[in-house]
Amino acid sequence: MAIMRPSKDIILFSVLLGIIATYFASWLPDITVIGIEGSRISSVVSFSALNGMIFGPILGPIVSFSGVLLHGLSNPKFFQKDTFHIISPLFTVFSSLIGALLISGRKKLALILYAIPLVAWYAFPTGRAVFYYPWYHVLVLTIFFIFENKYGRKINSSKVILFLYLYLVASIAVLADHIAGSTAALIYYDLTPAMFNEVILVYPIERSVLALFSTFIVFVLFLMFHAILQDITTFEGKAREIKEDTIEDYMQTEIKKILGK
């Protein structure tokens, strides 16, 4: 059976829809980080993971960056902020890229890229002082690779395994934004180890909630497309049966008539 591929018009429409959705998501209320005064997590992080998982490693980051860029262009105060906030869209791009690479099976490349800000964390005195801060990152990465190796072949046959797999991918994607932002914050701000200790048990909960939103949407979309492909397969099977019956009827009638003459 030939693989059904979306037309260019459908891809273009989907990309524009993704950019618009990301743009409006950037206006959603931010999540206040408990323990660090004035620090907030943009709700658009959920969409950055979502875009990567849906559109892939090229279009995904483009959609995320375009949506956040539109937010900046329509909000003049955005460019009046400090450098850290101005480059923050790059963290969402990184999140989309990691999610896209994982969902497309490029695990080694995703791990290498993810390791860059993770290792860079320890290049700073504060990072070395709270060396245990990325504990949840390491834990989720470990669980993902164990889960993928053990249940990878059952992803397409079990909805529960599929949902858990998508949730792990989304979790790593939103955590990629977190570790990139946390490491960059050490460059631009004078953050003390105590600040990170205050949120060390909080950020896993916040990121888990963000990942859950992305997982739910991708899971529903997967089930929809899976149902469509099943219907197409059934239709092609019935069409093949009708075609075979038609050929057989033709041979039973017309060919026999010719041979009889």
C-alpha atoms as a PDB file:
ATOM      1  CA  MET A   1       0.000   0.000   0.000  1.00  0.00           C
ATOM      2  CA  ALA A   2       1.326   3.413  -0.912  1.00  0.00           C
ATOM      3  CA  ILE A   3       2.079   5.732   2.008  1.00  0.00           C
ATOM      4  CA  MET A   4      -0.390   8.573   2.269  1.00  0.00           C
ATOM      5  CA  ARG A   5       1.469  11.870   2.317  1.00  0.00           C
ATOM      6  CA  PRO A   6      -0.148  15.253   2.985  1.00  0.00           C
ATOM      7  CA  SER A   7      -0.187  17.733   0.124  1.00  0.00           C
ATOM      8  CA  LYS A   8       1.823  20.942   0.233  1.00  0.00           C
ATOM      9  CA  ASP A   9      -1.358  22.933   0.814  1.00  0.00           C
ATOM     10  CA  ILE A  10      -2.248  20.841   3.863  1.00  0.00           C
ATOM     11  CA  ILE A  11       1.292  21.189   5.249  1.00  0.00           C
ATOM     12  CA  LEU A  12       1.233  24.958   4.714  1.00  0.00           C
ATOM     13  CA  PHE A  13      -2.179  25.262   6.358  1.00  0.00           C
ATOM     14  CA  SER A  14      -1.038  23.122   9.302  1.00  0.00           C
ATOM     15  CA  VAL A  15       2.120  25.184   9.785  1.00  0.00           C
ATOM     16  CA  LEU A  16       0.155  28.453   9.735  1.00  0.00           C
ATOM     17  CA  LEU A  17      -2.334  26.976  12.195  1.00  0.00           C
ATOM     18  CA  GLY A  18       0.542  25.897  14.448  1.00  0.00           C
ATOM     19  CA  ILE A  19       2.091  29.384  14.366  1.00  0.00           C
ATOM     20  CA  ILE A  20      -1.238  31.028  15.190  1.00  0.00           C
ATOM     21  CA  ALA A  21      -1.899  28.573  18.030  1.00  0.00           C
ATOM     22  CA  THR A  22       1.586  29.180  19.440  1.00  0.00           C
ATOM     23  CA  TYR A  23       1.103  32.932  19.162  1.00  0.00           C
ATOM     24  CA  PHE A  24      -2.122  32.881  21.144  1.00  0.00           C
ATOM     25  CA  ALA A  25      -0.589  30.438  23.629  1.00  0.00           C
ATOM     26  CA  SER A  26       2.131  33.004  24.320  1.00  0.00           C
ATOM     27  CA  TRP A  27      -0.566  35.277  25.739  1.00  0.00           C
ATOM     28  CA  LEU A  28      -1.866  32.664  28.166  1.00  0.00           C
ATOM     29  CA  PRO A  29      -1.182  33.267  31.877  1.00  0.00           C
ATOM     30  CA  ASP A  30       2.299  32.219  32.909  1.00  0.00           C
ATOM     31  CA  ILE A  31       3.002  29.728  35.665  1.00  0.00           C
ATOM     32  CA  THR A  32       4.562  31.431  38.677  1.00  0.00           C
ATOM     33  CA  VAL A  33       7.652  29.617  39.909  1.00  0.00           C
ATOM     34  CA  ILE A  34       7.308  28.977  43.613  1.00  0.00           C
ATOM     35  CA  GLY A  35      10.481  29.898  45.462  1.00  0.00           C
ATOM     36  CA  ILE A  36      12.027  32.389  43.026  1.00  0.00           C
ATOM     37  CA  GLU A  37      10.419  35.807  43.193  1.00  0.00           C
ATOM     38  CA  GLY A  38       9.463  37.286  39.825  1.00  0.00           C
ATOM     39  CA  SER A  39      10.236  34.096  37.944  1.00  0.00           C
ATOM     40  CA  ARG A  40       7.588  32.624  35.657  1.00  0.00           C
ATOM     41  CA  ILE A  41       7.245  29.788  33.169  1.00  0.00           C
ATOM     42  CA  SER A  42       5.552  30.682  29.907  1.00  0.00           C
ATOM     43  CA  SER A  43       2.629  28.442  29.006  1.00  0.00           C
ATOM     44  CA  VAL A  44       3.953  28.392  25.453  1.00  0.00           C
ATOM     45  CA  VAL A  45       6.465  25.738  26.535  1.00  0.00           C
ATOM     46  CA  SER A  46       3.692  23.152  26.142  1.00  0.00           C
ATOM     47  CA  PHE A  47       3.237  24.234  22.536  1.00  0.00           C
ATOM     48  CA  SER A  48       6.963  24.142  21.823  1.00  0.00           C
ATOM     49  CA  ALA A  49       7.039  20.448  22.741  1.00  0.00           C
ATOM     50  CA  LEU A  50       3.802  19.917  20.835  1.00  0.00           C
ATOM     51  CA  ASN A  51       5.111  21.607  17.675  1.00  0.00           C
ATOM     52  CA  GLY A  52       8.237  19.492  17.664  1.00  0.00           C
ATOM     53  CA  MET A  53       6.314  16.239  18.084  1.00  0.00           C
ATOM     54  CA  ILE A  54       3.848  17.138  15.318  1.00  0.00           C
ATOM     55  CA  PHE A  55       5.901  19.014  12.713  1.00  0.00           C
ATOM     56  CA  GLY A  56       9.328  17.389  13.069  1.00  0.00           C
ATOM     57  CA  PRO A  57      12.869  18.692  13.633  1.00  0.00           C
ATOM     58  CA  ILE A  58      12.757  21.343  10.889  1.00  0.00           C
ATOM     59  CA  LEU A  59       9.236  22.757  10.816  1.00  0.00           C
ATOM     60  CA  GLY A  60       8.684  22.241  14.550  1.00  0.00           C
ATOM     61  CA  PRO A  61      11.329  24.727  15.751  1.00  0.00           C
ATOM     62  CA  ILE A  62      10.329  27.147  12.972  1.00  0.00           C
ATOM     63  CA  VAL A  63       6.687  27.077  14.066  1.00  0.00           C
ATOM     64  CA  SER A  64       7.620  27.632  17.722  1.00  0.00           C
ATOM     65  CA  PHE A  65      10.037  30.463  16.964  1.00  0.00           C
ATOM     66  CA  SER A  66       7.613  32.155  14.562  1.00  0.00           C
ATOM     67  CA  GLY A  67       4.767  32.051  17.069  1.00  0.00           C
ATOM     68  CA  VAL A  68       6.870  33.513  19.882  1.00  0.00           C
ATOM     69  CA  LEU A  69       8.403  36.075  17.502  1.00  0.00           C
ATOM     70  CA  LEU A  70       4.926  37.276  16.528  1.00  0.00           C
ATOM     71  CA  HIS A  71       4.221  37.716  20.216  1.00  0.00           C
ATOM     72  CA  GLY A  72       7.320  39.879  20.540  1.00  0.00           C
ATOM     73  CA  LEU A  73       6.476  41.979  17.478  1.00  0.00           C
ATOM     74  CA  SER A  74       2.962  42.635  18.754  1.00  0.00           C
ATOM     75  CA  ASN A  75       4.234  43.432  22.243  1.00  0.00           C
ATOM     76  CA  PRO A  76       6.754  46.331  22.176  1.00  0.00           C
ATOM     77  CA  LYS A  77       7.561  45.807  25.855  1.00  0.00           C
ATOM     78  CA  PHE A  78       9.045  42.438  24.970  1.00  0.00           C
ATOM     79  CA  PHE A  79      12.110  44.056  23.387  1.00  0.00           C
ATOM     80  CA  GLN A  80      12.539  46.364  26.365  1.00  0.00           C
ATOM     81  CA  LYS A  81      13.308  43.425  28.607  1.00  0.00           C
ATOM     82  CA  ASP A  82      16.797  42.179  29.440  1.00  0.00           C
ATOM     83  CA  THR A  83      18.874  39.949  27.197  1.00  0.00           C
ATOM     84  CA  PHE A  84      17.822  36.760  28.951  1.00  0.00           C
ATOM     85  CA  HIS A  85      14.136  37.340  28.184  1.00  0.00           C
ATOM     86  CA  ILE A  86      14.883  38.370  24.607  1.00  0.00           C
ATOM     87  CA  ILE A  87      16.749  35.129  23.872  1.00  0.00           C
ATOM     88  CA  SER A  88      14.158  33.016  25.707  1.00  0.00           C
ATOM     89  CA  PRO A  89      12.421  32.072  22.398  1.00  0.00           C
ATOM     90  CA  LEU A  90      15.553  30.055  21.618  1.00  0.00           C
ATOM     91  CA  PHE A  91      14.764  27.839  24.587  1.00  0.00           C
ATOM     92  CA  THR A  92      11.388  26.985  23.039  1.00  0.00           C
ATOM     93  CA  VAL A  93      13.139  26.221  19.751  1.00  0.00           C
ATOM     94  CA  PHE A  94      15.471  23.876  21.614  1.00  0.00           C
ATOM     95  CA  SER A  95      12.477  22.201  23.246  1.00  0.00           C
ATOM     96  CA  SER A  96      10.802  21.645  19.857  1.00  0.00           C
ATOM     97  CA  LEU A  97      13.994  20.247  18.368  1.00  0.00           C
ATOM     98  CA  ILE A  98      14.544  17.737  21.167  1.00  0.00           C
ATOM     99  CA  GLY A  99      10.928  16.558  21.073  1.00  0.00           C
ATOM    100  CA  ALA A 100      11.032  16.189  17.294  1.00  0.00           C
ATOM    101  CA  LEU A 101      14.278  14.209  17.300  1.00  0.00           C
ATOM    102  CA  LEU A 102      12.994  11.810  19.951  1.00  0.00           C
ATOM    103  CA  ILE A 103       9.641  11.191  18.279  1.00  0.00           C
ATOM    104  CA  SER A 104      11.384  10.583  14.946  1.00  0.00           C
ATOM    105  CA  GLY A 105      13.751   8.015  16.462  1.00  0.00           C
ATOM    106  CA  ARG A 106      16.944  10.108  16.438  1.00  0.00           C
ATOM    107  CA  LYS A 107      17.632   9.444  20.094  1.00  0.00           C
ATOM    108  CA  LYS A 108      21.432   9.714  19.995  1.00  0.00           C
ATOM    109  CA  LEU A 109      21.398  13.165  18.391  1.00  0.00           C
ATOM    110  CA  ALA A 110      18.711  14.314  20.832  1.00  0.00           C
ATOM    111  CA  LEU A 111      20.790  13.088  23.771  1.00  0.00           C
ATOM    112  CA  ILE A 112      23.938  14.824  22.501  1.00  0.00           C
ATOM    113  CA  LEU A 113      22.146  18.155  22.090  1.00  0.00           C
ATOM    114  CA  TYR A 114      20.388  17.785  25.431  1.00  0.00           C
ATOM    115  CA  ALA A 115      23.710  17.091  27.138  1.00  0.00           C
ATOM    116  CA  ILE A 116      25.181  20.445  26.040  1.00  0.00           C
ATOM    117  CA  PRO A 117      23.274  22.692  28.498  1.00  0.00           C
ATOM    118  CA  LEU A 118      23.180  19.868  31.036  1.00  0.00           C
ATOM    119  CA  VAL A 119      26.972  19.592  31.114  1.00  0.00           C
ATOM    120  CA  ALA A 120      27.356  23.382  30.850  1.00  0.00           C
ATOM    121  CA  TRP A 121      25.420  23.675  34.107  1.00  0.00           C
ATOM    122  CA  TYR A 122      28.505  22.423  35.936  1.00  0.00           C
ATOM    123  CA  ALA A 123      30.747  25.056  34.362  1.00  0.00           C
ATOM    124  CA  PHE A 124      29.405  27.621  36.839  1.00  0.00           C
ATOM    125  CA  PRO A 125      30.143  27.795  40.575  1.00  0.00           C
ATOM    126  CA  THR A 126      26.431  27.859  41.421  1.00  0.00           C
ATOM    127  CA  GLY A 127      25.823  24.864  39.183  1.00  0.00           C
ATOM    128  CA  ARG A 128      28.549  22.892  40.919  1.00  0.00           C
ATOM    129  CA  ALA A 129      27.233  23.923  44.319  1.00  0.00           C
ATOM    130  CA  VAL A 130      23.813  22.470  43.514  1.00  0.00           C
ATOM    131  CA  PHE A 131      25.112  19.652  41.331  1.00  0.00           C
ATOM    132  CA  TYR A 132      22.014  17.609  42.173  1.00  0.00           C
ATOM    133  CA  TYR A 133      19.631  20.219  40.713  1.00  0.00           C
ATOM    134  CA  PRO A 134      19.134  18.414  37.328  1.00  0.00           C
ATOM    135  CA  TRP A 135      18.193  15.173  39.131  1.00  0.00           C
ATOM    136  CA  TYR A 136      14.796  15.048  37.483  1.00  0.00           C
ATOM    137  CA  HIS A 137      16.325  15.515  34.031  1.00  0.00           C
ATOM    138  CA  VAL A 138      18.594  12.525  34.520  1.00  0.00           C
ATOM    139  CA  LEU A 139      15.756  10.462  35.987  1.00  0.00           C
ATOM    140  CA  VAL A 140      13.353  11.116  33.074  1.00  0.00           C
ATOM    141  CA  LEU A 141      16.050  10.471  30.479  1.00  0.00           C
ATOM    142  CA  THR A 142      16.922   7.162  32.144  1.00  0.00           C
ATOM    143  CA  ILE A 143      13.280   6.104  32.358  1.00  0.00           C
ATOM    144  CA  PHE A 144      12.733   7.014  28.705  1.00  0.00           C
ATOM    145  CA  PHE A 145      15.564   4.876  27.370  1.00  0.00           C
ATOM    146  CA  ILE A 146      14.653   1.932  29.598  1.00  0.00           C
ATOM    147  CA  PHE A 147      10.986   2.227  28.595  1.00  0.00           C
ATOM    148  CA  GLU A 148      11.798   2.584  24.898  1.00  0.00           C
ATOM    149  CA  ASN A 149      14.088  -0.447  24.898  1.00  0.00           C
ATOM    150  CA  LYS A 150      11.598  -2.595  26.804  1.00  0.00           C
ATOM    151  CA  TYR A 151       8.284  -1.521  25.256  1.00  0.00           C
ATOM    152  CA  GLY A 152       9.329   0.127  21.987  1.00  0.00           C
ATOM    153  CA  ARG A 153       7.835  -2.652  19.865  1.00  0.00           C
ATOM    154  CA  LYS A 154       4.476  -2.395  21.624  1.00  0.00           C
ATOM    155  CA  ILE A 155       3.963   1.335  21.086  1.00  0.00           C
ATOM    156  CA  ASN A 156       1.715   0.837  18.054  1.00  0.00           C
ATOM    157  CA  SER A 157      -0.278  -1.991  19.611  1.00  0.00           C
ATOM    158  CA  SER A 158      -1.070  -0.596  23.057  1.00  0.00           C
ATOM    159  CA  LYS A 159      -2.742   2.750  23.714  1.00  0.00           C
ATOM    160  CA  VAL A 160      -1.455   2.820  27.297  1.00  0.00           C
ATOM    161  CA  ILE A 161       2.150   2.285  26.213  1.00  0.00           C
ATOM    162  CA  LEU A 162       1.715   4.838  23.437  1.00  0.00           C
ATOM    163  CA  PHE A 163       0.432   7.456  25.886  1.00  0.00           C
ATOM    164  CA  LEU A 164       3.275   6.814  28.332  1.00  0.00           C
ATOM    165  CA  TYR A 165       5.822   6.966  25.528  1.00  0.00           C
ATOM    166  CA  LEU A 166       4.448  10.289  24.264  1.00  0.00           C
ATOM    167  CA  TYR A 167       4.392  11.616  27.818  1.00  0.00           C
ATOM    168  CA  LEU A 168       8.062  10.770  28.313  1.00  0.00           C
ATOM    169  CA  VAL A 169       8.973  12.449  25.025  1.00  0.00           C
ATOM    170  CA  ALA A 170       6.972  15.559  25.945  1.00  0.00           C
ATOM    171  CA  SER A 171       8.531  15.597  29.422  1.00  0.00           C
ATOM    172  CA  ILE A 172      12.043  15.539  27.999  1.00  0.00           C
ATOM    173  CA  ALA A 173      11.112  18.296  25.541  1.00  0.00           C
ATOM    174  CA  VAL A 174       9.793  20.669  28.224  1.00  0.00           C
ATOM    175  CA  LEU A 175      12.734  19.785  30.460  1.00  0.00           C
ATOM    176  CA  ALA A 176      15.074  20.718  27.602  1.00  0.00           C
ATOM    177  CA  ASP A 177      13.623  24.226  27.756  1.00  0.00           C
ATOM    178  CA  HIS A 178      14.127  24.167  31.527  1.00  0.00           C
ATOM    179  CA  ILE A 179      17.781  23.145  31.578  1.00  0.00           C
ATOM    180  CA  ALA A 180      18.638  25.545  28.742  1.00  0.00           C
ATOM    181  CA  GLY A 181      16.907  28.397  30.546  1.00  0.00           C
ATOM    182  CA  SER A 182      18.391  27.502  33.941  1.00  0.00           C
ATOM    183  CA  THR A 183      21.921  27.322  32.564  1.00  0.00           C
ATOM    184  CA  ALA A 184      21.508  30.588  30.660  1.00  0.00           C
ATOM    185  CA  ALA A 185      20.171  32.246  33.813  1.00  0.00           C
ATOM    186  CA  LEU A 186      23.499  31.566  35.515  1.00  0.00           C
ATOM    187  CA  ILE A 187      25.138  33.764  32.881  1.00  0.00           C
ATOM    188  CA  TYR A 188      22.814  36.757  33.153  1.00  0.00           C
ATOM    189  CA  TYR A 189      21.787  36.716  36.815  1.00  0.00           C
ATOM    190  CA  ASP A 190      23.538  36.424  40.137  1.00  0.00           C
ATOM    191  CA  LEU A 191      21.488  33.484  41.374  1.00  0.00           C
ATOM    192  CA  THR A 192      22.425  31.797  44.617  1.00  0.00           C
ATOM    193  CA  PRO A 193      22.376  28.046  45.237  1.00  0.00           C
ATOM    194  CA  ALA A 194      19.611  28.612  47.794  1.00  0.00           C
ATOM    195  CA  MET A 195      17.263  29.830  45.038  1.00  0.00           C
ATOM    196  CA  PHE A 196      17.630  26.593  43.114  1.00  0.00           C
ATOM    197  CA  ASN A 197      17.295  24.513  46.268  1.00  0.00           C
ATOM    198  CA  GLU A 198      13.908  26.133  46.899  1.00  0.00           C
ATOM    199  CA  VAL A 199      12.505  24.865  43.584  1.00  0.00           C
ATOM    200  CA  ILE A 200      14.319  21.563  43.304  1.00  0.00           C
ATOM    201  CA  LEU A 201      11.166  19.608  44.174  1.00  0.00           C
ATOM    202  CA  VAL A 202       8.759  22.049  42.540  1.00  0.00           C
ATOM    203  CA  TYR A 203       9.975  22.263  38.939  1.00  0.00           C
ATOM    204  CA  PRO A 204       9.338  18.540  38.264  1.00  0.00           C
ATOM    205  CA  ILE A 205       5.652  19.081  39.085  1.00  0.00           C
ATOM    206  CA  GLU A 206       5.427  22.203  36.927  1.00  0.00           C
ATOM    207  CA  ARG A 207       7.121  20.544  33.975  1.00  0.00           C
ATOM    208  CA  SER A 208       5.017  17.401  34.331  1.00  0.00           C
ATOM    209  CA  VAL A 209       1.839  19.468  34.027  1.00  0.00           C
ATOM    210  CA  LEU A 210       3.144  21.225  30.923  1.00  0.00           C
ATOM    211  CA  ALA A 211       4.122  17.889  29.356  1.00  0.00           C
ATOM    212  CA  LEU A 212       0.695  16.411  30.069  1.00  0.00           C
ATOM    213  CA  PHE A 213      -1.014  19.011  27.883  1.00  0.00           C
ATOM    214  CA  SER A 214       1.245  18.274  24.899  1.00  0.00           C
ATOM    215  CA  THR A 215       0.865  14.536  25.399  1.00  0.00           C
ATOM    216  CA  PHE A 216      -2.924  14.644  25.401  1.00  0.00           C
ATOM    217  CA  ILE A 217      -3.139  16.554  22.093  1.00  0.00           C
ATOM    218  CA  VAL A 218      -0.551  14.402  20.286  1.00  0.00           C
ATOM    219  CA  PHE A 219      -2.208  11.238  21.621  1.00  0.00           C
ATOM    220  CA  VAL A 220      -5.636  12.293  20.314  1.00  0.00           C
ATOM    221  CA  LEU A 221      -4.166  13.259  16.931  1.00  0.00           C
ATOM    222  CA  PHE A 222      -2.367   9.921  16.672  1.00  0.00           C
ATOM    223  CA  LEU A 223      -5.582   7.998  17.371  1.00  0.00           C
ATOM    224  CA  MET A 224      -7.424  10.072  14.762  1.00  0.00           C
ATOM    225  CA  PHE A 225      -4.855   9.464  12.036  1.00  0.00           C
ATOM    226  CA  HIS A 226      -4.577   5.806  13.015  1.00  0.00           C
ATOM    227  CA  ALA A 227      -8.342   5.419  12.599  1.00  0.00           C
ATOM    228  CA  ILE A 228      -8.206   7.172   9.223  1.00  0.00           C
ATOM    229  CA  LEU A 229      -5.413   4.906   7.999  1.00  0.00           C
ATOM    230  CA  GLN A 230      -7.354   1.845   9.151  1.00  0.00           C
ATOM    231  CA  ASP A 231     -10.391   3.022   7.188  1.00  0.00           C
ATOM    232  CA  ILE A 232      -8.220   3.565   4.118  1.00  0.00           C
ATOM    233  CA  THR A 233      -6.755   0.079   4.481  1.00  0.00           C
ATOM    234  CA  THR A 234     -10.240  -1.418   4.794  1.00  0.00           C
ATOM    235  CA  PHE A 235     -11.421   0.536   1.759  1.00  0.00           C
ATOM    236  CA  GLU A 236      -8.463  -0.598  -0.335  1.00  0.00           C
ATOM    237  CA  GLY A 237      -9.082  -4.200   0.737  1.00  0.00           C
ATOM    238  CA  LYS A 238     -12.731  -4.039  -0.315  1.00  0.00           C
ATOM    239  CA  ALA A 239     -11.799  -2.327  -3.587  1.00  0.00           C
ATOM    240  CA  ARG A 240      -9.280  -5.098  -4.277  1.00  0.00           C
ATOM    241  CA  GLU A 241     -11.915  -7.759  -3.596  1.00  0.00           C
ATOM    242  CA  ILE A 242     -14.377  -6.067  -5.929  1.00  0.00           C
ATOM    243  CA  LYS A 243     -11.716  -5.798  -8.601  1.00  0.00           C
ATOM    244  CA  GLU A 244     -10.802  -9.472  -8.260  1.00  0.00           C
ATOM    245  CA  ASP A 245     -14.468 -10.503  -8.398  1.00  0.00           C
ATOM    246  CA  THR A 246     -14.977  -8.374 -11.499  1.00  0.00           C
ATOM    247  CA  ILE A 247     -12.008  -9.967 -13.255  1.00  0.00           C
ATOM    248  CA  GLU A 248     -13.195 -13.439 -12.291  1.00  0.00           C
ATOM    249  CA  ASP A 249     -16.715 -12.732 -13.568  1.00  0.00           C
ATOM    250  CA  TYR A 250     -15.277 -11.438 -16.808  1.00  0.00           C
ATOM    251  CA  MET A 251     -13.196 -14.593 -17.268  1.00  0.00           C
ATOM    252  CA  GLN A 252     -16.161 -16.816 -16.456  1.00  0.00           C
ATOM    253  CA  THR A 253     -18.414 -15.138 -19.008  1.00  0.00           C
ATOM    254  CA  GLU A 254     -16.588 -13.340 -21.783  1.00  0.00           C
ATOM    255  CA  ILE A 255     -13.481 -15.515 -21.996  1.00  0.00           C
ATOM    256  CA  LYS A 256     -15.551 -18.693 -22.036  1.00  0.00           C
ATOM    257  CA  LYS A 257     -17.701 -17.257 -24.816  1.00  0.00           C
ATOM    258  CA  ILE A 258     -14.610 -16.523 -26.899  1.00  0.00           C
ATOM    259  CA  LEU A 259     -13.196 -19.999 -26.284  1.00  0.00           C
ATOM    260  CA  GLY A 260     -16.588 -21.536 -27.118  1.00  0.00           C
ATOM    261  CA  LYS A 261     -16.628 -19.840 -30.497  1.00  0.00           C
END
